[in-house]
Amino acid sequence: MRYAVLHHDHPFVHWDLLLETPSGCWTWRLLDAPDSPGLIRAERIADHRAWYLTYSGAVSGNRGTVTPWDAGRFVWLTATENRVVGLVTGIRWGGGIELLADSADSWRLRVLSDA
């Protein structure tokens, strides 16, 4: 499986974290920069199509543009409704990531180790 972090400039500057599944990508909006120290605030948003994993450019419907921030391989370790843990191997991230739900839409991302 693959993952991507995309810089997205609409409706405000944020980053989209996409984790590939057999049917598309589970997606979170990161409200803090993905290289921020400590916990990164995240919101669970609608699943995205897998082709966004390698996409750069304008988003349809006047929804701004996306540019890759990081991308690479992703290995699922745990996936429940409240917790997602995996291993990433990318250009900027390497090691573990953990997403923890505070509520249905409010999550926290912890990058367990950096490349």
PDB file of N, CA and C in Angstrom:
ATOM      1  N   MET A   1       0.843  -1.185   0.000  1.00  0.00           N
ATOM      2  CA  MET A   1       0.000   0.000   0.000  1.00  0.00           C
ATOM      3  C   MET A   1       0.890   1.251   0.000  1.00  0.00           C
ATOM      4  N   ARG A   2       0.271   2.378  -0.326  1.00  0.00           N
ATOM      5  CA  ARG A   2       0.991   3.651  -0.399  1.00  0.00           C
ATOM      6  C   ARG A   2       0.333   4.693   0.512  1.00  0.00           C
ATOM      7  N   TYR A   3       1.074   5.767   0.751  1.00  0.00           N
ATOM      8  CA  TYR A   3       0.522   6.915   1.460  1.00  0.00           C
ATOM      9  C   TYR A   3       1.003   8.177   0.757  1.00  0.00           C
ATOM     10  N   ALA A   4       0.332   9.278   1.018  1.00  0.00           N
ATOM     11  CA  ALA A   4       0.767  10.573   0.519  1.00  0.00           C
ATOM     12  C   ALA A   4       0.322  11.650   1.498  1.00  0.00           C
ATOM     13  N   VAL A   5       1.108  12.703   1.563  1.00  0.00           N
ATOM     14  CA  VAL A   5       0.739  13.921   2.278  1.00  0.00           C
ATOM     15  C   VAL A   5       0.769  15.028   1.227  1.00  0.00           C
ATOM     16  N   LEU A   6      -0.378  15.671   1.029  1.00  0.00           N
ATOM     17  CA  LEU A   6      -0.508  16.710   0.011  1.00  0.00           C
ATOM     18  C   LEU A   6      -0.751  18.059   0.663  1.00  0.00           C
ATOM     19  N   HIS A   7      -0.003  19.069   0.256  1.00  0.00           N
ATOM     20  CA  HIS A   7      -0.264  20.442   0.677  1.00  0.00           C
ATOM     21  C   HIS A   7      -1.469  20.924  -0.125  1.00  0.00           C
ATOM     22  N   HIS A   8      -2.499  21.420   0.574  1.00  0.00           N
ATOM     23  CA  HIS A   8      -3.750  21.827  -0.069  1.00  0.00           C
ATOM     24  C   HIS A   8      -4.075  23.246   0.370  1.00  0.00           C
ATOM     25  N   ASP A   9      -4.362  24.116  -0.586  1.00  0.00           N
ATOM     26  CA  ASP A   9      -4.554  25.535  -0.270  1.00  0.00           C
ATOM     27  C   ASP A   9      -6.011  25.984  -0.193  1.00  0.00           C
ATOM     28  N   HIS A  10      -6.962  25.043  -0.099  1.00  0.00           N
ATOM     29  CA  HIS A  10      -8.378  25.429  -0.075  1.00  0.00           C
ATOM     30  C   HIS A  10      -9.157  24.554   0.896  1.00  0.00           C
ATOM     31  N   PRO A  11     -10.087  25.020   1.665  1.00  0.00           N
ATOM     32  CA  PRO A  11     -10.528  26.406   1.795  1.00  0.00           C
ATOM     33  C   PRO A  11      -9.583  27.252   2.642  1.00  0.00           C
ATOM     34  N   PHE A  12      -8.586  26.605   3.235  1.00  0.00           N
ATOM     35  CA  PHE A  12      -7.504  27.269   3.954  1.00  0.00           C
ATOM     36  C   PHE A  12      -6.303  26.339   3.819  1.00  0.00           C
ATOM     37  N   VAL A  13      -5.124  26.829   4.121  1.00  0.00           N
ATOM     38  CA  VAL A  13      -3.928  26.004   3.984  1.00  0.00           C
ATOM     39  C   VAL A  13      -3.956  24.866   5.005  1.00  0.00           C
ATOM     40  N   HIS A  14      -3.813  23.646   4.497  1.00  0.00           N
ATOM     41  CA  HIS A  14      -3.744  22.452   5.334  1.00  0.00           C
ATOM     42  C   HIS A  14      -3.036  21.364   4.525  1.00  0.00           C
ATOM     43  N   TRP A  15      -2.917  20.188   5.073  1.00  0.00           N
ATOM     44  CA  TRP A  15      -2.298  19.052   4.394  1.00  0.00           C
ATOM     45  C   TRP A  15      -3.275  17.891   4.458  1.00  0.00           C
ATOM     46  N   ASP A  16      -3.356  17.119   3.377  1.00  0.00           N
ATOM     47  CA  ASP A  16      -4.205  15.932   3.347  1.00  0.00           C
ATOM     48  C   ASP A  16      -3.322  14.701   3.477  1.00  0.00           C
ATOM     49  N   LEU A  17      -3.627  13.852   4.460  1.00  0.00           N
ATOM     50  CA  LEU A  17      -2.938  12.578   4.639  1.00  0.00           C
ATOM     51  C   LEU A  17      -3.822  11.492   4.053  1.00  0.00           C
ATOM     52  N   LEU A  18      -3.308  10.766   3.070  1.00  0.00           N
ATOM     53  CA  LEU A  18      -4.036   9.695   2.415  1.00  0.00           C
ATOM     54  C   LEU A  18      -3.339   8.366   2.692  1.00  0.00           C
ATOM     55  N   LEU A  19      -4.099   7.385   3.185  1.00  0.00           N
ATOM     56  CA  LEU A  19      -3.588   6.035   3.439  1.00  0.00           C
ATOM     57  C   LEU A  19      -4.356   5.078   2.530  1.00  0.00           C
ATOM     58  N   GLU A  20      -3.650   4.382   1.672  1.00  0.00           N
ATOM     59  CA  GLU A  20      -4.283   3.526   0.675  1.00  0.00           C
ATOM     60  C   GLU A  20      -4.921   2.290   1.294  1.00  0.00           C
ATOM     61  N   THR A  21      -6.109   1.973   0.809  1.00  0.00           N
ATOM     62  CA  THR A  21      -6.831   0.744   1.133  1.00  0.00           C
ATOM     63  C   THR A  21      -7.156   0.072  -0.198  1.00  0.00           C
ATOM     64  N   PRO A  22      -7.647  -1.160  -0.181  1.00  0.00           N
ATOM     65  CA  PRO A  22      -8.016  -1.791  -1.454  1.00  0.00           C
ATOM     66  C   PRO A  22      -9.104  -1.039  -2.237  1.00  0.00           C
ATOM     67  N   SER A  23      -9.905  -0.207  -1.552  1.00  0.00           N
ATOM     68  CA  SER A  23     -11.010   0.473  -2.232  1.00  0.00           C
ATOM     69  C   SER A  23     -10.827   1.978  -2.397  1.00  0.00           C
ATOM     70  N   GLY A  24      -9.679   2.524  -2.042  1.00  0.00           N
ATOM     71  CA  GLY A  24      -9.450   3.966  -2.141  1.00  0.00           C
ATOM     72  C   GLY A  24      -8.457   4.400  -1.088  1.00  0.00           C
ATOM     73  N   CYS A  25      -8.673   5.576  -0.523  1.00  0.00           N
ATOM     74  CA  CYS A  25      -7.758   6.096   0.505  1.00  0.00           C
ATOM     75  C   CYS A  25      -8.535   6.665   1.678  1.00  0.00           C
ATOM     76  N   TRP A  26      -8.222   6.192   2.866  1.00  0.00           N
ATOM     77  CA  TRP A  26      -8.707   6.866   4.060  1.00  0.00           C
ATOM     78  C   TRP A  26      -7.963   8.185   4.124  1.00  0.00           C
ATOM     79  N   THR A  27      -8.677   9.265   4.472  1.00  0.00           N
ATOM     80  CA  THR A  27      -8.086  10.595   4.367  1.00  0.00           C
ATOM     81  C   THR A  27      -8.372  11.435   5.610  1.00  0.00           C
ATOM     82  N   TRP A  28      -7.330  12.167   6.024  1.00  0.00           N
ATOM     83  CA  TRP A  28      -7.424  13.123   7.130  1.00  0.00           C
ATOM     84  C   TRP A  28      -6.901  14.464   6.657  1.00  0.00           C
ATOM     85  N   ARG A  29      -7.527  15.544   7.116  1.00  0.00           N
ATOM     86  CA  ARG A  29      -7.028  16.897   6.919  1.00  0.00           C
ATOM     87  C   ARG A  29      -6.147  17.221   8.113  1.00  0.00           C
ATOM     88  N   LEU A  30      -4.859  17.503   7.859  1.00  0.00           N
ATOM     89  CA  LEU A  30      -3.932  17.874   8.927  1.00  0.00           C
ATOM     90  C   LEU A  30      -3.979  19.380   9.109  1.00  0.00           C
ATOM     91  N   LEU A  31      -4.311  19.813  10.324  1.00  0.00           N
ATOM     92  CA  LEU A  31      -4.455  21.239  10.615  1.00  0.00           C
ATOM     93  C   LEU A  31      -3.146  21.890  11.020  1.00  0.00           C
ATOM     94  N   ASP A  32      -2.150  21.088  11.344  1.00  0.00           N
ATOM     95  CA  ASP A  32      -0.807  21.564  11.650  1.00  0.00           C
ATOM     96  C   ASP A  32       0.136  20.993  10.598  1.00  0.00           C
ATOM     97  N   ALA A  33       1.238  21.677  10.371  1.00  0.00           N
ATOM     98  CA  ALA A  33       2.211  21.201   9.385  1.00  0.00           C
ATOM     99  C   ALA A  33       2.663  19.788   9.729  1.00  0.00           C
ATOM    100  N   PRO A  34       2.850  18.935   8.728  1.00  0.00           N
ATOM    101  CA  PRO A  34       3.215  17.546   8.990  1.00  0.00           C
ATOM    102  C   PRO A  34       4.601  17.366   9.607  1.00  0.00           C
ATOM    103  N   ASP A  35       5.407  18.418   9.625  1.00  0.00           N
ATOM    104  CA  ASP A  35       6.703  18.339  10.291  1.00  0.00           C
ATOM    105  C   ASP A  35       6.698  19.061  11.642  1.00  0.00           C
ATOM    106  N   SER A  36       5.502  19.378  12.151  1.00  0.00           N
ATOM    107  CA  SER A  36       5.371  20.004  13.472  1.00  0.00           C
ATOM    108  C   SER A  36       5.780  19.011  14.557  1.00  0.00           C
ATOM    109  N   PRO A  37       6.430  19.493  15.615  1.00  0.00           N
ATOM    110  CA  PRO A  37       6.763  18.594  16.720  1.00  0.00           C
ATOM    111  C   PRO A  37       5.513  18.229  17.522  1.00  0.00           C
ATOM    112  N   GLY A  38       5.516  17.079  18.133  1.00  0.00           N
ATOM    113  CA  GLY A  38       4.397  16.667  18.981  1.00  0.00           C
ATOM    114  C   GLY A  38       3.209  16.189  18.179  1.00  0.00           C
ATOM    115  N   LEU A  39       2.029  16.286  18.788  1.00  0.00           N
ATOM    116  CA  LEU A  39       0.800  15.820  18.155  1.00  0.00           C
ATOM    117  C   LEU A  39       0.313  16.818  17.112  1.00  0.00           C
ATOM    118  N   ILE A  40      -0.164  16.291  16.007  1.00  0.00           N
ATOM    119  CA  ILE A  40      -0.674  17.107  14.906  1.00  0.00           C
ATOM    120  C   ILE A  40      -2.193  16.951  14.888  1.00  0.00           C
ATOM    121  N   ARG A  41      -2.908  18.073  14.925  1.00  0.00           N
ATOM    122  CA  ARG A  41      -4.372  18.033  14.884  1.00  0.00           C
ATOM    123  C   ARG A  41      -4.826  17.574  13.501  1.00  0.00           C
ATOM    124  N   ALA A  42      -5.838  16.701  13.479  1.00  0.00           N
ATOM    125  CA  ALA A  42      -6.327  16.157  12.211  1.00  0.00           C
ATOM    126  C   ALA A  42      -7.841  16.001  12.258  1.00  0.00           C
ATOM    127  N   GLU A  43      -8.457  16.057  11.087  1.00  0.00           N
ATOM    128  CA  GLU A  43      -9.887  15.831  10.937  1.00  0.00           C
ATOM    129  C   GLU A  43     -10.088  14.724   9.917  1.00  0.00           C
ATOM    130  N   ARG A  44     -10.900  13.749  10.244  1.00  0.00           N
ATOM    131  CA  ARG A  44     -11.228  12.682   9.282  1.00  0.00           C
ATOM    132  C   ARG A  44     -12.167  13.278   8.259  1.00  0.00           C
ATOM    133  N   ILE A  45     -11.836  13.135   6.991  1.00  0.00           N
ATOM    134  CA  ILE A  45     -12.676  13.646   5.912  1.00  0.00           C
ATOM    135  C   ILE A  45     -13.022  12.491   4.967  1.00  0.00           C
ATOM    136  N   ALA A  46     -13.787  12.774   3.952  1.00  0.00           N
ATOM    137  CA  ALA A  46     -14.245  11.740   3.025  1.00  0.00           C
ATOM    138  C   ALA A  46     -13.071  11.011   2.379  1.00  0.00           C
ATOM    139  N   ASP A  47     -13.263   9.716   2.153  1.00  0.00           N
ATOM    140  CA  ASP A  47     -12.249   8.932   1.456  1.00  0.00           C
ATOM    141  C   ASP A  47     -11.970   9.546   0.089  1.00  0.00           C
ATOM    142  N   HIS A  48     -10.729   9.418  -0.355  1.00  0.00           N
ATOM    143  CA  HIS A  48     -10.312   9.934  -1.658  1.00  0.00           C
ATOM    144  C   HIS A  48      -9.992   8.770  -2.598  1.00  0.00           C
ATOM    145  N   ARG A  49     -10.027   9.045  -3.877  1.00  0.00           N
ATOM    146  CA  ARG A  49      -9.636   8.053  -4.876  1.00  0.00           C
ATOM    147  C   ARG A  49      -8.116   7.866  -4.850  1.00  0.00           C
ATOM    148  N   ALA A  50      -7.672   6.673  -5.163  1.00  0.00           N
ATOM    149  CA  ALA A  50      -6.245   6.337  -5.096  1.00  0.00           C
ATOM    150  C   ALA A  50      -5.391   7.179  -6.033  1.00  0.00           C
ATOM    151  N   TRP A  51      -5.943   7.673  -7.117  1.00  0.00           N
ATOM    152  CA  TRP A  51      -5.095   8.447  -8.034  1.00  0.00           C
ATOM    153  C   TRP A  51      -4.612   9.753  -7.409  1.00  0.00           C
ATOM    154  N   TYR A  52      -5.247  10.211  -6.305  1.00  0.00           N
ATOM    155  CA  TYR A  52      -4.739  11.387  -5.605  1.00  0.00           C
ATOM    156  C   TYR A  52      -3.385  11.124  -4.947  1.00  0.00           C
ATOM    157  N   LEU A  53      -3.012   9.867  -4.766  1.00  0.00           N
ATOM    158  CA  LEU A  53      -1.711   9.543  -4.163  1.00  0.00           C
ATOM    159  C   LEU A  53      -0.547  10.088  -4.983  1.00  0.00           C
ATOM    160  N   THR A  54      -0.735  10.268  -6.266  1.00  0.00           N
ATOM    161  CA  THR A  54       0.338  10.759  -7.136  1.00  0.00           C
ATOM    162  C   THR A  54      -0.054  12.037  -7.862  1.00  0.00           C
ATOM    163  N   TYR A  55      -1.131  12.677  -7.429  1.00  0.00           N
ATOM    164  CA  TYR A  55      -1.652  13.854  -8.136  1.00  0.00           C
ATOM    165  C   TYR A  55      -1.021  15.143  -7.627  1.00  0.00           C
ATOM    166  N   SER A  56      -0.826  16.072  -8.561  1.00  0.00           N
ATOM    167  CA  SER A  56      -0.408  17.432  -8.259  1.00  0.00           C
ATOM    168  C   SER A  56      -1.127  18.349  -9.228  1.00  0.00           C
ATOM    169  N   GLY A  57      -1.761  19.407  -8.711  1.00  0.00           N
ATOM    170  CA  GLY A  57      -2.426  20.345  -9.607  1.00  0.00           C
ATOM    171  C   GLY A  57      -3.747  20.817  -9.063  1.00  0.00           C
ATOM    172  N   ALA A  58      -4.562  21.353  -9.959  1.00  0.00           N
ATOM    173  CA  ALA A  58      -5.859  21.919  -9.587  1.00  0.00           C
ATOM    174  C   ALA A  58      -6.837  20.818  -9.208  1.00  0.00           C
ATOM    175  N   VAL A  59      -7.662  21.115  -8.209  1.00  0.00           N
ATOM    176  CA  VAL A  59      -8.712  20.201  -7.769  1.00  0.00           C
ATOM    177  C   VAL A  59     -10.013  20.681  -8.402  1.00  0.00           C
ATOM    178  N   SER A  60     -10.808  19.752  -8.913  1.00  0.00           N
ATOM    179  CA  SER A  60     -12.052  20.124  -9.590  1.00  0.00           C
ATOM    180  C   SER A  60     -12.976  20.912  -8.667  1.00  0.00           C
ATOM    181  N   GLY A  61     -13.898  21.654  -9.273  1.00  0.00           N
ATOM    182  CA  GLY A  61     -14.891  22.401  -8.512  1.00  0.00           C
ATOM    183  C   GLY A  61     -14.329  23.626  -7.820  1.00  0.00           C
ATOM    184  N   ASN A  62     -13.249  24.201  -8.343  1.00  0.00           N
ATOM    185  CA  ASN A  62     -12.633  25.395  -7.739  1.00  0.00           C
ATOM    186  C   ASN A  62     -12.221  25.163  -6.291  1.00  0.00           C
ATOM    187  N   ARG A  63     -11.673  23.968  -6.013  1.00  0.00           N
ATOM    188  CA  ARG A  63     -11.263  23.638  -4.643  1.00  0.00           C
ATOM    189  C   ARG A  63      -9.755  23.740  -4.465  1.00  0.00           C
ATOM    190  N   GLY A  64      -9.131  24.704  -5.131  1.00  0.00           N
ATOM    191  CA  GLY A  64      -7.716  24.980  -4.936  1.00  0.00           C
ATOM    192  C   GLY A  64      -6.805  24.021  -5.666  1.00  0.00           C
ATOM    193  N   THR A  65      -5.572  23.939  -5.154  1.00  0.00           N
ATOM    194  CA  THR A  65      -4.567  23.063  -5.743  1.00  0.00           C
ATOM    195  C   THR A  65      -3.914  22.229  -4.653  1.00  0.00           C
ATOM    196  N   VAL A  66      -3.370  21.092  -5.068  1.00  0.00           N
ATOM    197  CA  VAL A  66      -2.604  20.245  -4.158  1.00  0.00           C
ATOM    198  C   VAL A  66      -1.219  20.024  -4.757  1.00  0.00           C
ATOM    199  N   THR A  67      -0.235  19.946  -3.866  1.00  0.00           N
ATOM    200  CA  THR A  67       1.133  19.609  -4.259  1.00  0.00           C
ATOM    201  C   THR A  67       1.666  18.589  -3.262  1.00  0.00           C
ATOM    202  N   PRO A  68       2.422  17.620  -3.727  1.00  0.00           N
ATOM    203  CA  PRO A  68       2.954  16.602  -2.821  1.00  0.00           C
ATOM    204  C   PRO A  68       3.909  17.201  -1.792  1.00  0.00           C
ATOM    205  N   TRP A  69       3.762  16.773  -0.551  1.00  0.00           N
ATOM    206  CA  TRP A  69       4.709  17.103   0.512  1.00  0.00           C
ATOM    207  C   TRP A  69       5.553  15.877   0.834  1.00  0.00           C
ATOM    208  N   ASP A  70       4.942  14.705   0.826  1.00  0.00           N
ATOM    209  CA  ASP A  70       5.641  13.440   1.039  1.00  0.00           C
ATOM    210  C   ASP A  70       4.809  12.320   0.447  1.00  0.00           C
ATOM    211  N   ALA A  71       5.459  11.211   0.144  1.00  0.00           N
ATOM    212  CA  ALA A  71       4.759  10.039  -0.385  1.00  0.00           C
ATOM    213  C   ALA A  71       5.685   8.840  -0.276  1.00  0.00           C
ATOM    214  N   GLY A  72       5.081   7.661  -0.269  1.00  0.00           N
ATOM    215  CA  GLY A  72       5.875   6.442  -0.220  1.00  0.00           C
ATOM    216  C   GLY A  72       5.019   5.239   0.091  1.00  0.00           C
ATOM    217  N   ARG A  73       5.652   4.259   0.696  1.00  0.00           N
ATOM    218  CA  ARG A  73       4.998   2.992   1.043  1.00  0.00           C
ATOM    219  C   ARG A  73       4.381   3.062   2.427  1.00  0.00           C
ATOM    220  N   PHE A  74       3.260   2.334   2.600  1.00  0.00           N
ATOM    221  CA  PHE A  74       2.552   2.295   3.872  1.00  0.00           C
ATOM    222  C   PHE A  74       2.203   0.853   4.205  1.00  0.00           C
ATOM    223  N   VAL A  75       2.457   0.458   5.443  1.00  0.00           N
ATOM    224  CA  VAL A  75       2.095  -0.874   5.933  1.00  0.00           C
ATOM    225  C   VAL A  75       1.112  -0.688   7.083  1.00  0.00           C
ATOM    226  N   TRP A  76      -0.083  -1.288   6.957  1.00  0.00           N
ATOM    227  CA  TRP A  76      -1.099  -1.234   8.005  1.00  0.00           C
ATOM    228  C   TRP A  76      -0.689  -2.154   9.158  1.00  0.00           C
ATOM    229  N   LEU A  77      -0.720  -1.641  10.401  1.00  0.00           N
ATOM    230  CA  LEU A  77      -0.478  -2.462  11.584  1.00  0.00           C
ATOM    231  C   LEU A  77      -1.758  -2.643  12.396  1.00  0.00           C
ATOM    232  N   THR A  78      -2.493  -1.546  12.614  1.00  0.00           N
ATOM    233  CA  THR A  78      -3.748  -1.566  13.364  1.00  0.00           C
ATOM    234  C   THR A  78      -4.720  -0.606  12.698  1.00  0.00           C
ATOM    235  N   ALA A  79      -5.967  -1.023  12.571  1.00  0.00           N
ATOM    236  CA  ALA A  79      -6.984  -0.137  12.015  1.00  0.00           C
ATOM    237  C   ALA A  79      -8.316  -0.428  12.697  1.00  0.00           C
ATOM    238  N   THR A  80      -8.671   0.443  13.644  1.00  0.00           N
ATOM    239  CA  THR A  80      -9.974   0.369  14.290  1.00  0.00           C
ATOM    240  C   THR A  80     -10.662   1.705  14.063  1.00  0.00           C
ATOM    241  N   GLU A  81     -11.882   1.836  14.555  1.00  0.00           N
ATOM    242  CA  GLU A  81     -12.590   3.105  14.352  1.00  0.00           C
ATOM    243  C   GLU A  81     -11.971   4.250  15.137  1.00  0.00           C
ATOM    244  N   ASN A  82     -11.135   3.951  16.142  1.00  0.00           N
ATOM    245  CA  ASN A  82     -10.538   4.994  16.985  1.00  0.00           C
ATOM    246  C   ASN A  82      -9.021   5.085  16.901  1.00  0.00           C
ATOM    247  N   ARG A  83      -8.395   4.155  16.181  1.00  0.00           N
ATOM    248  CA  ARG A  83      -6.931   4.138  16.172  1.00  0.00           C
ATOM    249  C   ARG A  83      -6.423   3.500  14.882  1.00  0.00           C
ATOM    250  N   VAL A  84      -5.458   4.179  14.268  1.00  0.00           N
ATOM    251  CA  VAL A  84      -4.790   3.658  13.080  1.00  0.00           C
ATOM    252  C   VAL A  84      -3.293   3.743  13.322  1.00  0.00           C
ATOM    253  N   VAL A  85      -2.610   2.629  13.125  1.00  0.00           N
ATOM    254  CA  VAL A  85      -1.153   2.585  13.289  1.00  0.00           C
ATOM    255  C   VAL A  85      -0.566   1.943  12.038  1.00  0.00           C
ATOM    256  N   GLY A  86       0.515   2.519  11.561  1.00  0.00           N
ATOM    257  CA  GLY A  86       1.176   1.954  10.394  1.00  0.00           C
ATOM    258  C   GLY A  86       2.628   2.372  10.324  1.00  0.00           C
ATOM    259  N   LEU A  87       3.313   1.771   9.369  1.00  0.00           N
ATOM    260  CA  LEU A  87       4.709   2.104   9.096  1.00  0.00           C
ATOM    261  C   LEU A  87       4.781   2.800   7.751  1.00  0.00           C
ATOM    262  N   VAL A  88       5.539   3.897   7.699  1.00  0.00           N
ATOM    263  CA  VAL A  88       5.699   4.641   6.457  1.00  0.00           C
ATOM    264  C   VAL A  88       7.171   4.664   6.059  1.00  0.00           C
ATOM    265  N   THR A  89       7.380   4.614   4.767  1.00  0.00           N
ATOM    266  CA  THR A  89       8.720   4.767   4.192  1.00  0.00           C
ATOM    267  C   THR A  89       8.578   5.748   3.046  1.00  0.00           C
ATOM    268  N   GLY A  90       8.965   6.991   3.293  1.00  0.00           N
ATOM    269  CA  GLY A  90       8.826   8.037   2.283  1.00  0.00           C
ATOM    270  C   GLY A  90      10.081   8.870   2.193  1.00  0.00           C
ATOM    271  N   ILE A  91       9.947  10.022   1.593  1.00  0.00           N
ATOM    272  CA  ILE A  91      11.075  10.936   1.435  1.00  0.00           C
ATOM    273  C   ILE A  91      11.323  11.705   2.736  1.00  0.00           C
ATOM    274  N   ARG A  92      10.254  12.159   3.392  1.00  0.00           N
ATOM    275  CA  ARG A  92      10.380  12.943   4.628  1.00  0.00           C
ATOM    276  C   ARG A  92      10.075  12.128   5.880  1.00  0.00           C
ATOM    277  N   TRP A  93       9.120  11.220   5.780  1.00  0.00           N
ATOM    278  CA  TRP A  93       8.745  10.389   6.930  1.00  0.00           C
ATOM    279  C   TRP A  93       9.313   8.991   6.758  1.00  0.00           C
ATOM    280  N   GLY A  94       9.763   8.417   7.857  1.00  0.00           N
ATOM    281  CA  GLY A  94      10.188   7.027   7.864  1.00  0.00           C
ATOM    282  C   GLY A  94      10.016   6.486   9.263  1.00  0.00           C
ATOM    283  N   GLY A  95       9.232   5.436   9.425  1.00  0.00           N
ATOM    284  CA  GLY A  95       8.973   4.866  10.737  1.00  0.00           C
ATOM    285  C   GLY A  95       7.488   4.729  10.961  1.00  0.00           C
ATOM    286  N   GLY A  96       7.066   4.905  12.199  1.00  0.00           N
ATOM    287  CA  GLY A  96       5.673   4.690  12.545  1.00  0.00           C
ATOM    288  C   GLY A  96       4.860   5.963  12.570  1.00  0.00           C
ATOM    289  N   ILE A  97       3.562   5.800  12.289  1.00  0.00           N
ATOM    290  CA  ILE A  97       2.601   6.879  12.507  1.00  0.00           C
ATOM    291  C   ILE A  97       1.430   6.288  13.274  1.00  0.00           C
ATOM    292  N   GLU A  98       0.804   7.134  14.085  1.00  0.00           N
ATOM    293  CA  GLU A  98      -0.361   6.707  14.854  1.00  0.00           C
ATOM    294  C   GLU A  98      -1.395   7.820  14.807  1.00  0.00           C
ATOM    295  N   LEU A  99      -2.620   7.456  14.461  1.00  0.00           N
ATOM    296  CA  LEU A  99      -3.755   8.374  14.478  1.00  0.00           C
ATOM    297  C   LEU A  99      -4.709   7.920  15.568  1.00  0.00           C
ATOM    298  N   LEU A 100      -5.077   8.845  16.461  1.00  0.00           N
ATOM    299  CA  LEU A 100      -5.976   8.551  17.569  1.00  0.00           C
ATOM    300  C   LEU A 100      -7.185   9.470  17.498  1.00  0.00           C
ATOM    301  N   ALA A 101      -8.382   8.896  17.601  1.00  0.00           N
ATOM    302  CA  ALA A 101      -9.614   9.680  17.527  1.00  0.00           C
ATOM    303  C   ALA A 101      -9.962  10.267  18.889  1.00  0.00           C
ATOM    304  N   ASP A 102     -10.282  11.553  18.900  1.00  0.00           N
ATOM    305  CA  ASP A 102     -10.859  12.205  20.069  1.00  0.00           C
ATOM    306  C   ASP A 102     -12.380  12.149  19.974  1.00  0.00           C
ATOM    307  N   SER A 103     -12.883  12.180  18.738  1.00  0.00           N
ATOM    308  CA  SER A 103     -14.306  12.057  18.420  1.00  0.00           C
ATOM    309  C   SER A 103     -14.383  11.544  16.987  1.00  0.00           C
ATOM    310  N   ALA A 104     -15.561  11.497  16.421  1.00  0.00           N
ATOM    311  CA  ALA A 104     -15.716  10.942  15.071  1.00  0.00           C
ATOM    312  C   ALA A 104     -14.865  11.669  14.037  1.00  0.00           C
ATOM    313  N   ASP A 105     -14.788  12.989  14.139  1.00  0.00           N
ATOM    314  CA  ASP A 105     -14.052  13.762  13.141  1.00  0.00           C
ATOM    315  C   ASP A 105     -12.741  14.333  13.655  1.00  0.00           C
ATOM    316  N   SER A 106     -12.548  14.420  14.950  1.00  0.00           N
ATOM    317  CA  SER A 106     -11.361  15.033  15.534  1.00  0.00           C
ATOM    318  C   SER A 106     -10.337  13.966  15.917  1.00  0.00           C
ATOM    319  N   TRP A 107      -9.143  14.070  15.342  1.00  0.00           N
ATOM    320  CA  TRP A 107      -8.088  13.091  15.546  1.00  0.00           C
ATOM    321  C   TRP A 107      -6.787  13.802  15.899  1.00  0.00           C
ATOM    322  N   ARG A 108      -5.840  13.015  16.363  1.00  0.00           N
ATOM    323  CA  ARG A 108      -4.473  13.480  16.607  1.00  0.00           C
ATOM    324  C   ARG A 108      -3.530  12.519  15.894  1.00  0.00           C
ATOM    325  N   LEU A 109      -2.548  13.081  15.197  1.00  0.00           N
ATOM    326  CA  LEU A 109      -1.527  12.297  14.495  1.00  0.00           C
ATOM    327  C   LEU A 109      -0.217  12.425  15.250  1.00  0.00           C
ATOM    328  N   ARG A 110       0.398  11.290  15.478  1.00  0.00           N
ATOM    329  CA  ARG A 110       1.733  11.273  16.076  1.00  0.00           C
ATOM    330  C   ARG A 110       2.654  10.590  15.072  1.00  0.00           C
ATOM    331  N   VAL A 111       3.707  11.292  14.675  1.00  0.00           N
ATOM    332  CA  VAL A 111       4.738  10.687  13.845  1.00  0.00           C
ATOM    333  C   VAL A 111       5.748  10.107  14.815  1.00  0.00           C
ATOM    334  N   LEU A 112       5.820   8.780  14.893  1.00  0.00           N
ATOM    335  CA  LEU A 112       6.602   8.110  15.935  1.00  0.00           C
ATOM    336  C   LEU A 112       8.103   8.184  15.694  1.00  0.00           C
ATOM    337  N   SER A 113       8.502   8.285  14.443  1.00  0.00           N
ATOM    338  CA  SER A 113       9.915   8.514  14.151  1.00  0.00           C
ATOM    339  C   SER A 113      10.021   9.134  12.775  1.00  0.00           C
ATOM    340  N   ASP A 114      11.045   9.935  12.596  1.00  0.00           N
ATOM    341  CA  ASP A 114      11.242  10.647  11.319  1.00  0.00           C
ATOM    342  C   ASP A 114      12.413  10.060  10.571  1.00  0.00           C
ATOM    343  N   ALA A 115      12.361  10.239   9.247  1.00  0.00           N
ATOM    344  CA  ALA A 115      13.479   9.826   8.393  1.00  0.00           C
ATOM    345  C   ALA A 115      14.627  10.795   8.577  1.00  0.00           C
TER     346      ALA A 115
END
